Amino acid sequence: MLDVTGRTVLSRSVVATRTGAVSLDVRDLAAGTCLARLEAGDRAGTLRLLVQKQVEKALRTLVRAAPAHRAPAQPGARLGRRN
């Protein structure tokens, strides 16, 4: 696997299942876009993958769920309690 600068960030030999599925542990990779080069015999292909970390996904969810900020008070508005 390569990062977007072309630097190799992970190199593994894996065996595909009967369905062609491949499992790859990317927990040690930084979040971001990677390119995976797959080779099988005389065939090869490249896939673009997006690595996301659970903490980052949770933070994005919190930011999206945060209430909108109140509009600033109008000039000359009185501050304090209403009686």
N, C-alpha and C. Protein backbone atom coordinates (compact mmCIF):
# COMPACT_ATOMS: atom_id res chain seq x y z
N MET A 1 0.85 -1.16 0.00
CA MET A 1 0.00 0.00 0.00
C MET A 1 0.89 1.22 0.00
N LEU A 2 0.44 2.22 -0.73
CA LEU A 2 1.18 3.46 -0.86
C LEU A 2 0.33 4.62 -0.33
N ASP A 3 1.01 5.63 0.25
CA ASP A 3 0.27 6.84 0.61
C ASP A 3 0.20 7.73 -0.62
N VAL A 4 -0.40 8.89 -0.51
CA VAL A 4 -0.61 9.74 -1.68
C VAL A 4 0.69 10.32 -2.24
N THR A 5 1.78 10.24 -1.47
CA THR A 5 3.07 10.72 -1.98
C THR A 5 3.83 9.62 -2.72
N GLY A 6 3.29 8.38 -2.68
CA GLY A 6 3.95 7.26 -3.36
C GLY A 6 4.85 6.46 -2.44
N ARG A 7 4.90 6.81 -1.16
CA ARG A 7 5.73 6.10 -0.19
C ARG A 7 5.02 4.82 0.23
N THR A 8 5.75 3.71 0.30
CA THR A 8 5.18 2.44 0.74
C THR A 8 4.92 2.51 2.24
N VAL A 9 3.66 2.29 2.64
CA VAL A 9 3.28 2.34 4.04
C VAL A 9 2.94 0.96 4.60
N LEU A 10 2.72 0.00 3.73
CA LEU A 10 2.39 -1.36 4.17
C LEU A 10 2.66 -2.32 3.01
N SER A 11 3.32 -3.42 3.33
CA SER A 11 3.59 -4.43 2.31
C SER A 11 3.31 -5.79 2.92
N ARG A 12 2.36 -6.50 2.37
CA ARG A 12 1.96 -7.81 2.89
C ARG A 12 1.62 -8.75 1.74
N SER A 13 1.87 -10.03 1.99
CA SER A 13 1.36 -11.07 1.10
C SER A 13 0.10 -11.62 1.74
N VAL A 14 -0.97 -11.66 1.00
CA VAL A 14 -2.24 -12.15 1.54
C VAL A 14 -2.80 -13.22 0.61
N VAL A 15 -3.66 -14.05 1.17
CA VAL A 15 -4.31 -15.10 0.39
C VAL A 15 -5.79 -14.79 0.35
N ALA A 16 -6.35 -14.78 -0.85
CA ALA A 16 -7.78 -14.50 -1.02
C ALA A 16 -8.61 -15.73 -0.66
N THR A 17 -9.83 -15.48 -0.22
CA THR A 17 -10.77 -16.56 0.06
C THR A 17 -11.32 -17.08 -1.26
N ARG A 18 -12.18 -18.09 -1.17
CA ARG A 18 -12.79 -18.63 -2.40
C ARG A 18 -13.59 -17.58 -3.14
N THR A 19 -14.14 -16.60 -2.41
CA THR A 19 -14.94 -15.56 -3.06
C THR A 19 -14.07 -14.43 -3.61
N GLY A 20 -12.77 -14.49 -3.32
CA GLY A 20 -11.87 -13.44 -3.78
C GLY A 20 -11.66 -12.33 -2.77
N ALA A 21 -12.28 -12.46 -1.58
CA ALA A 21 -12.14 -11.43 -0.54
C ALA A 21 -10.76 -11.50 0.09
N VAL A 22 -10.24 -10.33 0.42
CA VAL A 22 -8.95 -10.23 1.09
C VAL A 22 -9.14 -9.37 2.32
N SER A 23 -8.60 -9.82 3.45
CA SER A 23 -8.68 -9.05 4.68
C SER A 23 -7.30 -8.46 4.98
N LEU A 24 -7.27 -7.18 5.30
CA LEU A 24 -6.00 -6.50 5.54
C LEU A 24 -6.14 -5.60 6.75
N ASP A 25 -5.27 -5.75 7.72
CA ASP A 25 -5.30 -4.95 8.95
C ASP A 25 -4.58 -3.63 8.69
N VAL A 26 -5.33 -2.52 8.76
CA VAL A 26 -4.75 -1.20 8.50
C VAL A 26 -4.76 -0.32 9.75
N ARG A 27 -4.89 -0.94 10.94
CA ARG A 27 -4.95 -0.16 12.18
C ARG A 27 -3.72 0.70 12.41
N ASP A 28 -2.56 0.28 11.91
CA ASP A 28 -1.33 1.04 12.14
C ASP A 28 -1.13 2.16 11.14
N LEU A 29 -1.99 2.26 10.13
CA LEU A 29 -1.85 3.31 9.13
C LEU A 29 -2.53 4.59 9.59
N ALA A 30 -2.00 5.71 9.14
CA ALA A 30 -2.64 7.00 9.43
C ALA A 30 -3.92 7.11 8.61
N ALA A 31 -4.86 7.88 9.13
CA ALA A 31 -6.10 8.11 8.39
C ALA A 31 -5.79 8.88 7.12
N GLY A 32 -6.48 8.56 6.06
CA GLY A 32 -6.29 9.25 4.79
C GLY A 32 -6.44 8.31 3.61
N THR A 33 -6.05 8.78 2.46
CA THR A 33 -6.17 8.01 1.22
C THR A 33 -4.91 7.20 0.98
N CYS A 34 -5.09 5.95 0.61
CA CYS A 34 -3.98 5.05 0.27
C CYS A 34 -4.31 4.36 -1.05
N LEU A 35 -3.27 3.88 -1.69
CA LEU A 35 -3.44 3.08 -2.90
C LEU A 35 -2.98 1.67 -2.59
N ALA A 36 -3.81 0.69 -2.93
CA ALA A 36 -3.47 -0.71 -2.71
C ALA A 36 -3.20 -1.35 -4.07
N ARG A 37 -2.04 -1.92 -4.23
CA ARG A 37 -1.66 -2.60 -5.47
C ARG A 37 -1.84 -4.09 -5.24
N LEU A 38 -2.72 -4.71 -6.01
CA LEU A 38 -3.00 -6.14 -5.87
C LEU A 38 -2.45 -6.88 -7.09
N GLU A 39 -1.75 -7.96 -6.83
CA GLU A 39 -1.18 -8.77 -7.93
C GLU A 39 -1.53 -10.23 -7.70
N ALA A 40 -1.94 -10.89 -8.76
CA ALA A 40 -2.25 -12.32 -8.72
C ALA A 40 -1.81 -12.93 -10.03
N GLY A 41 -0.72 -13.66 -9.98
CA GLY A 41 -0.18 -14.24 -11.21
C GLY A 41 0.24 -13.15 -12.16
N ASP A 42 -0.31 -13.19 -13.40
CA ASP A 42 0.04 -12.16 -14.39
C ASP A 42 -0.95 -11.00 -14.39
N ARG A 43 -1.87 -10.98 -13.44
CA ARG A 43 -2.87 -9.90 -13.36
C ARG A 43 -2.53 -8.97 -12.20
N ALA A 44 -2.86 -7.69 -12.37
CA ALA A 44 -2.60 -6.70 -11.32
C ALA A 44 -3.64 -5.59 -11.40
N GLY A 45 -3.83 -4.92 -10.30
CA GLY A 45 -4.77 -3.80 -10.26
C GLY A 45 -4.45 -2.91 -9.07
N THR A 46 -4.95 -1.69 -9.12
CA THR A 46 -4.75 -0.73 -8.04
C THR A 46 -6.10 -0.22 -7.56
N LEU A 47 -6.27 -0.18 -6.24
CA LEU A 47 -7.49 0.32 -5.63
C LEU A 47 -7.17 1.54 -4.78
N ARG A 48 -8.04 2.52 -4.79
CA ARG A 48 -7.90 3.67 -3.89
C ARG A 48 -8.74 3.39 -2.66
N LEU A 49 -8.13 3.47 -1.49
CA LEU A 49 -8.82 3.17 -0.24
C LEU A 49 -8.78 4.39 0.67
N LEU A 50 -9.83 4.56 1.45
CA LEU A 50 -9.89 5.62 2.44
C LEU A 50 -9.82 4.98 3.82
N VAL A 51 -8.74 5.27 4.56
CA VAL A 51 -8.56 4.72 5.90
C VAL A 51 -9.15 5.73 6.88
N GLN A 52 -10.12 5.28 7.68
CA GLN A 52 -10.74 6.14 8.70
C GLN A 52 -10.50 5.52 10.07
N LYS A 53 -10.29 6.36 11.02
CA LYS A 53 -10.11 5.91 12.40
C LYS A 53 -11.40 6.15 13.16
N GLN A 54 -11.75 5.26 14.07
CA GLN A 54 -13.00 5.36 14.82
C GLN A 54 -13.08 6.66 15.62
N VAL A 55 -11.98 7.10 16.20
CA VAL A 55 -11.99 8.33 17.00
C VAL A 55 -12.35 9.51 16.10
N GLU A 56 -11.76 9.57 14.92
CA GLU A 56 -12.06 10.67 14.00
C GLU A 56 -13.52 10.64 13.57
N LYS A 57 -14.05 9.45 13.31
CA LYS A 57 -15.45 9.34 12.93
C LYS A 57 -16.34 9.80 14.07
N ALA A 58 -16.01 9.45 15.31
CA ALA A 58 -16.80 9.87 16.46
C ALA A 58 -16.76 11.38 16.62
N LEU A 59 -15.59 11.98 16.43
CA LEU A 59 -15.48 13.43 16.54
C LEU A 59 -16.31 14.13 15.48
N ARG A 60 -16.29 13.63 14.26
CA ARG A 60 -17.09 14.23 13.19
C ARG A 60 -18.57 14.14 13.54
N THR A 61 -18.99 13.01 14.13
CA THR A 61 -20.38 12.85 14.53
C THR A 61 -20.74 13.87 15.61
N LEU A 62 -19.85 14.06 16.58
CA LEU A 62 -20.11 15.04 17.63
C LEU A 62 -20.20 16.45 17.07
N VAL A 63 -19.32 16.78 16.15
CA VAL A 63 -19.32 18.13 15.57
C VAL A 63 -20.62 18.35 14.80
N ARG A 64 -21.06 17.34 14.05
CA ARG A 64 -22.30 17.47 13.29
C ARG A 64 -23.50 17.61 14.22
N ALA A 65 -23.45 16.93 15.38
CA ALA A 65 -24.58 16.94 16.29
C ALA A 65 -24.58 18.15 17.23
N ALA A 66 -23.49 18.91 17.25
CA ALA A 66 -23.40 20.06 18.16
C ALA A 66 -24.44 21.11 17.77
N PRO A 67 -25.07 21.74 18.77
CA PRO A 67 -26.08 22.77 18.45
C PRO A 67 -25.43 23.97 17.79
N ALA A 68 -26.18 24.61 16.94
CA ALA A 68 -25.68 25.81 16.25
C ALA A 68 -25.45 26.91 17.27
N HIS A 69 -24.48 27.76 16.99
CA HIS A 69 -24.20 28.88 17.88
C HIS A 69 -25.32 29.92 17.78
N ARG A 70 -25.58 30.58 18.88
CA ARG A 70 -26.58 31.65 18.86
C ARG A 70 -26.05 32.83 18.08
N ALA A 71 -26.95 33.54 17.48
CA ALA A 71 -26.57 34.77 16.77
C ALA A 71 -26.12 35.80 17.80
N PRO A 72 -25.15 36.63 17.45
CA PRO A 72 -24.70 37.65 18.40
C PRO A 72 -25.84 38.60 18.75
N ALA A 73 -25.78 39.14 19.96
CA ALA A 73 -26.82 40.08 20.42
C ALA A 73 -26.82 41.32 19.54
N GLN A 74 -27.99 41.88 19.38
CA GLN A 74 -28.12 43.10 18.59
C GLN A 74 -27.46 44.27 19.33
N PRO A 75 -26.88 45.20 18.62
CA PRO A 75 -26.29 46.36 19.29
C PRO A 75 -27.36 47.08 20.11
N GLY A 76 -27.01 47.44 21.34
CA GLY A 76 -27.95 48.14 22.20
C GLY A 76 -28.90 47.24 22.94
N ALA A 77 -28.80 45.91 22.72
CA ALA A 77 -29.70 44.97 23.43
C ALA A 77 -29.32 44.94 24.90
N ARG A 78 -30.32 44.80 25.76
CA ARG A 78 -30.07 44.75 27.20
C ARG A 78 -29.71 43.33 27.60
N LEU A 79 -28.73 43.24 28.46
CA LEU A 79 -28.32 41.93 28.97
C LEU A 79 -28.91 41.75 30.35
N GLY A 80 -29.13 40.57 30.77
CA GLY A 80 -29.62 40.30 32.11
C GLY A 80 -30.92 39.54 32.08
N ARG A 81 -31.49 39.34 33.26
CA ARG A 81 -32.70 38.56 33.40
C ARG A 81 -33.93 39.39 33.02
N ARG A 82 -34.93 38.64 32.56
CA ARG A 82 -36.23 39.27 32.34
C ARG A 82 -37.03 39.09 33.63
N ASN A 83 -37.79 40.10 34.05
CA ASN A 83 -38.60 39.98 35.26
C ASN A 83 -40.06 39.81 34.91
